[in-house]
Amino acid sequence: MENNRERAKALRKVQKLHFAMLDAAEFLDGHPDNASALRYHKRMQEQYDQAKKEYQKQFGPLTHGTESDTHWQWIDDPWPWEGEG
């Protein structure tokens, strides 16, 4: 049960950072020269990449593109509609 909580917490962190990165990108579409927004987007991108890497190291792939060459890991964990267990 604790592992499920940690997994949900790590996934939520990835989702929040992904949202922040996309939100900054949308802002930059209308303000492409805003230095502060560019720095913020870069910082969110770096944090997102790190959070995603940490999640995948501990819990497995987030997408099909992060699979192993020896095992199709995508099917190993519960599907989203199967709940947290």
N, C-alpha and C. Protein backbone atom coordinates (compact mmCIF):
# COMPACT_ATOMS: atom_id res chain seq x y z
N MET A 1 0.82 -1.19 0.00
CA MET A 1 0.00 0.00 0.00
C MET A 1 0.86 1.26 0.00
N GLU A 2 1.94 1.25 0.79
CA GLU A 2 2.85 2.40 0.85
C GLU A 2 3.48 2.66 -0.51
N ASN A 3 3.85 1.58 -1.21
CA ASN A 3 4.44 1.72 -2.54
C ASN A 3 3.47 2.40 -3.50
N ASN A 4 2.18 2.09 -3.38
CA ASN A 4 1.17 2.72 -4.22
C ASN A 4 1.08 4.21 -3.94
N ARG A 5 1.19 4.59 -2.68
CA ARG A 5 1.16 6.02 -2.33
C ARG A 5 2.37 6.74 -2.89
N GLU A 6 3.54 6.10 -2.76
CA GLU A 6 4.76 6.71 -3.29
C GLU A 6 4.69 6.84 -4.81
N ARG A 7 4.14 5.82 -5.44
CA ARG A 7 3.99 5.84 -6.89
C ARG A 7 3.05 6.97 -7.31
N ALA A 8 1.92 7.10 -6.63
CA ALA A 8 0.95 8.14 -6.94
C ALA A 8 1.56 9.53 -6.71
N LYS A 9 2.32 9.67 -5.64
CA LYS A 9 2.97 10.94 -5.34
C LYS A 9 4.00 11.30 -6.42
N ALA A 10 4.79 10.33 -6.83
CA ALA A 10 5.79 10.58 -7.87
C ALA A 10 5.13 10.90 -9.21
N LEU A 11 4.04 10.21 -9.52
CA LEU A 11 3.33 10.48 -10.77
C LEU A 11 2.72 11.87 -10.74
N ARG A 12 2.15 12.27 -9.61
CA ARG A 12 1.56 13.60 -9.49
C ARG A 12 2.63 14.68 -9.69
N LYS A 13 3.82 14.44 -9.18
CA LYS A 13 4.92 15.40 -9.37
C LYS A 13 5.25 15.54 -10.85
N VAL A 14 5.35 14.42 -11.55
CA VAL A 14 5.61 14.45 -13.00
C VAL A 14 4.51 15.23 -13.71
N GLN A 15 3.26 14.96 -13.36
CA GLN A 15 2.13 15.63 -14.00
C GLN A 15 2.15 17.14 -13.75
N LYS A 16 2.42 17.55 -12.52
CA LYS A 16 2.46 18.98 -12.20
C LYS A 16 3.55 19.69 -12.98
N LEU A 17 4.73 19.09 -13.03
CA LEU A 17 5.83 19.71 -13.76
C LEU A 17 5.56 19.75 -15.26
N HIS A 18 4.93 18.71 -15.77
CA HIS A 18 4.58 18.69 -17.19
C HIS A 18 3.58 19.81 -17.50
N PHE A 19 2.59 19.97 -16.64
CA PHE A 19 1.62 21.05 -16.83
C PHE A 19 2.30 22.41 -16.79
N ALA A 20 3.18 22.63 -15.82
CA ALA A 20 3.88 23.92 -15.69
C ALA A 20 4.71 24.20 -16.94
N MET A 21 5.36 23.17 -17.46
CA MET A 21 6.18 23.33 -18.66
C MET A 21 5.31 23.69 -19.86
N LEU A 22 4.19 22.99 -20.02
CA LEU A 22 3.29 23.28 -21.15
C LEU A 22 2.64 24.65 -21.02
N ASP A 23 2.28 25.03 -19.81
CA ASP A 23 1.69 26.33 -19.57
C ASP A 23 2.68 27.45 -19.94
N ALA A 24 3.92 27.27 -19.55
CA ALA A 24 4.95 28.25 -19.90
C ALA A 24 5.16 28.30 -21.41
N ALA A 25 5.09 27.16 -22.07
CA ALA A 25 5.25 27.13 -23.53
C ALA A 25 4.12 27.89 -24.21
N GLU A 26 2.91 27.74 -23.71
CA GLU A 26 1.79 28.49 -24.28
C GLU A 26 1.97 29.98 -24.08
N PHE A 27 2.44 30.38 -22.91
CA PHE A 27 2.71 31.80 -22.67
C PHE A 27 3.76 32.30 -23.64
N LEU A 28 4.80 31.51 -23.85
CA LEU A 28 5.88 31.91 -24.75
C LEU A 28 5.42 32.01 -26.21
N ASP A 29 4.36 31.29 -26.57
CA ASP A 29 3.82 31.43 -27.92
C ASP A 29 3.39 32.87 -28.19
N GLY A 30 2.90 33.54 -27.18
CA GLY A 30 2.46 34.93 -27.34
C GLY A 30 3.49 35.95 -26.90
N HIS A 31 4.52 35.50 -26.19
CA HIS A 31 5.55 36.40 -25.66
C HIS A 31 6.93 35.76 -25.87
N PRO A 32 7.34 35.56 -27.11
CA PRO A 32 8.55 34.77 -27.39
C PRO A 32 9.86 35.37 -26.90
N ASP A 33 9.87 36.65 -26.55
CA ASP A 33 11.11 37.29 -26.11
C ASP A 33 11.14 37.55 -24.60
N ASN A 34 10.21 37.01 -23.87
CA ASN A 34 10.13 37.23 -22.43
C ASN A 34 11.21 36.38 -21.75
N ALA A 35 12.27 37.04 -21.30
CA ALA A 35 13.43 36.34 -20.73
C ALA A 35 13.06 35.56 -19.47
N SER A 36 12.22 36.14 -18.64
CA SER A 36 11.81 35.47 -17.41
C SER A 36 11.04 34.19 -17.72
N ALA A 37 10.14 34.26 -18.68
CA ALA A 37 9.36 33.08 -19.06
C ALA A 37 10.25 32.02 -19.70
N LEU A 38 11.23 32.45 -20.46
CA LEU A 38 12.17 31.48 -21.06
C LEU A 38 12.96 30.74 -19.98
N ARG A 39 13.42 31.48 -18.98
CA ARG A 39 14.14 30.84 -17.87
C ARG A 39 13.24 29.89 -17.10
N TYR A 40 12.00 30.34 -16.85
CA TYR A 40 11.05 29.50 -16.13
C TYR A 40 10.78 28.20 -16.91
N HIS A 41 10.55 28.32 -18.21
CA HIS A 41 10.29 27.14 -19.03
C HIS A 41 11.47 26.18 -18.98
N LYS A 42 12.67 26.72 -19.09
CA LYS A 42 13.86 25.88 -19.04
C LYS A 42 13.96 25.15 -17.69
N ARG A 43 13.69 25.89 -16.61
CA ARG A 43 13.74 25.28 -15.28
C ARG A 43 12.69 24.18 -15.13
N MET A 44 11.48 24.42 -15.61
CA MET A 44 10.42 23.41 -15.55
C MET A 44 10.77 22.19 -16.40
N GLN A 45 11.37 22.42 -17.56
CA GLN A 45 11.78 21.32 -18.44
C GLN A 45 12.81 20.44 -17.74
N GLU A 46 13.79 21.07 -17.09
CA GLU A 46 14.83 20.32 -16.39
C GLU A 46 14.23 19.53 -15.22
N GLN A 47 13.35 20.16 -14.45
CA GLN A 47 12.73 19.47 -13.32
C GLN A 47 11.82 18.34 -13.78
N TYR A 48 11.10 18.58 -14.87
CA TYR A 48 10.23 17.54 -15.44
C TYR A 48 11.06 16.35 -15.90
N ASP A 49 12.12 16.61 -16.63
CA ASP A 49 12.98 15.53 -17.11
C ASP A 49 13.53 14.71 -15.95
N GLN A 50 13.95 15.39 -14.88
CA GLN A 50 14.50 14.70 -13.71
C GLN A 50 13.41 13.88 -12.99
N ALA A 51 12.24 14.46 -12.80
CA ALA A 51 11.15 13.75 -12.13
C ALA A 51 10.72 12.53 -12.94
N LYS A 52 10.66 12.68 -14.25
CA LYS A 52 10.29 11.57 -15.12
C LYS A 52 11.34 10.45 -15.04
N LYS A 53 12.59 10.84 -15.05
CA LYS A 53 13.68 9.85 -14.95
C LYS A 53 13.61 9.09 -13.62
N GLU A 54 13.38 9.82 -12.54
CA GLU A 54 13.29 9.19 -11.22
C GLU A 54 12.08 8.26 -11.14
N TYR A 55 10.95 8.70 -11.68
CA TYR A 55 9.75 7.87 -11.68
C TYR A 55 10.01 6.56 -12.43
N GLN A 56 10.55 6.67 -13.62
CA GLN A 56 10.77 5.49 -14.46
C GLN A 56 11.80 4.55 -13.85
N LYS A 57 12.79 5.08 -13.15
CA LYS A 57 13.78 4.23 -12.49
C LYS A 57 13.13 3.40 -11.39
N GLN A 58 12.21 4.02 -10.65
CA GLN A 58 11.59 3.35 -9.51
C GLN A 58 10.36 2.53 -9.89
N PHE A 59 9.55 3.02 -10.85
CA PHE A 59 8.25 2.40 -11.11
C PHE A 59 8.05 1.87 -12.52
N GLY A 60 8.97 2.13 -13.42
CA GLY A 60 8.81 1.64 -14.78
C GLY A 60 8.38 2.73 -15.75
N PRO A 61 8.17 2.36 -17.00
CA PRO A 61 7.93 3.34 -18.06
C PRO A 61 6.62 4.11 -17.91
N LEU A 62 6.67 5.36 -18.35
CA LEU A 62 5.47 6.20 -18.40
C LEU A 62 4.80 6.12 -19.77
N THR A 63 5.60 5.84 -20.77
CA THR A 63 5.09 5.76 -22.14
C THR A 63 5.70 4.57 -22.85
N HIS A 64 5.17 4.26 -24.02
CA HIS A 64 5.71 3.14 -24.79
C HIS A 64 7.14 3.38 -25.23
N GLY A 65 7.53 4.61 -25.42
CA GLY A 65 8.85 4.93 -25.94
C GLY A 65 9.99 4.73 -24.97
N THR A 66 9.72 4.31 -23.76
CA THR A 66 10.78 4.15 -22.76
C THR A 66 10.99 2.69 -22.39
N GLU A 67 10.69 1.82 -23.30
CA GLU A 67 10.76 0.39 -23.04
C GLU A 67 12.19 -0.16 -23.07
N SER A 68 12.34 -1.28 -22.44
CA SER A 68 13.59 -2.04 -22.43
C SER A 68 13.71 -2.82 -23.73
N ASP A 69 14.92 -3.21 -24.07
CA ASP A 69 15.15 -4.03 -25.26
C ASP A 69 14.87 -5.51 -24.99
N THR A 70 14.73 -5.88 -23.72
CA THR A 70 14.59 -7.29 -23.40
C THR A 70 13.22 -7.70 -22.86
N HIS A 71 12.40 -6.73 -22.45
CA HIS A 71 11.10 -7.06 -21.87
C HIS A 71 10.12 -5.92 -22.09
N TRP A 72 8.91 -6.22 -22.51
CA TRP A 72 7.87 -5.22 -22.73
C TRP A 72 7.26 -4.87 -21.39
N GLN A 73 7.85 -3.91 -20.67
CA GLN A 73 7.47 -3.56 -19.31
C GLN A 73 6.12 -2.89 -19.20
N TRP A 74 5.63 -2.36 -20.27
CA TRP A 74 4.39 -1.58 -20.26
C TRP A 74 3.23 -2.36 -19.62
N ILE A 75 3.23 -3.67 -19.77
CA ILE A 75 2.11 -4.47 -19.28
C ILE A 75 2.28 -4.96 -17.85
N ASP A 76 3.39 -4.68 -17.22
CA ASP A 76 3.69 -5.23 -15.89
C ASP A 76 2.88 -4.60 -14.75
N ASP A 77 2.53 -3.36 -14.87
CA ASP A 77 1.87 -2.65 -13.77
C ASP A 77 0.38 -2.52 -14.02
N PRO A 78 -0.36 -2.17 -12.98
CA PRO A 78 -1.81 -1.99 -13.17
C PRO A 78 -2.11 -0.89 -14.19
N TRP A 79 -3.15 -1.09 -14.96
CA TRP A 79 -3.60 -0.08 -15.90
C TRP A 79 -4.30 1.01 -15.11
N PRO A 80 -4.37 2.24 -15.64
CA PRO A 80 -4.98 3.34 -14.88
C PRO A 80 -6.37 3.02 -14.37
N TRP A 81 -7.18 2.31 -15.13
CA TRP A 81 -8.54 2.01 -14.71
C TRP A 81 -8.60 0.88 -13.69
N GLU A 82 -7.48 0.23 -13.43
CA GLU A 82 -7.44 -0.82 -12.42
C GLU A 82 -7.22 -0.27 -11.01
N GLY A 83 -7.01 1.02 -10.91
CA GLY A 83 -6.85 1.65 -9.60
C GLY A 83 -5.46 1.44 -9.03
N GLU A 84 -5.33 1.85 -7.82
CA GLU A 84 -4.04 1.79 -7.12
C GLU A 84 -3.84 0.47 -6.40
N GLY A 85 -4.76 -0.44 -6.49
CA GLY A 85 -4.57 -1.74 -5.88
C GLY A 85 -5.28 -1.84 -4.61
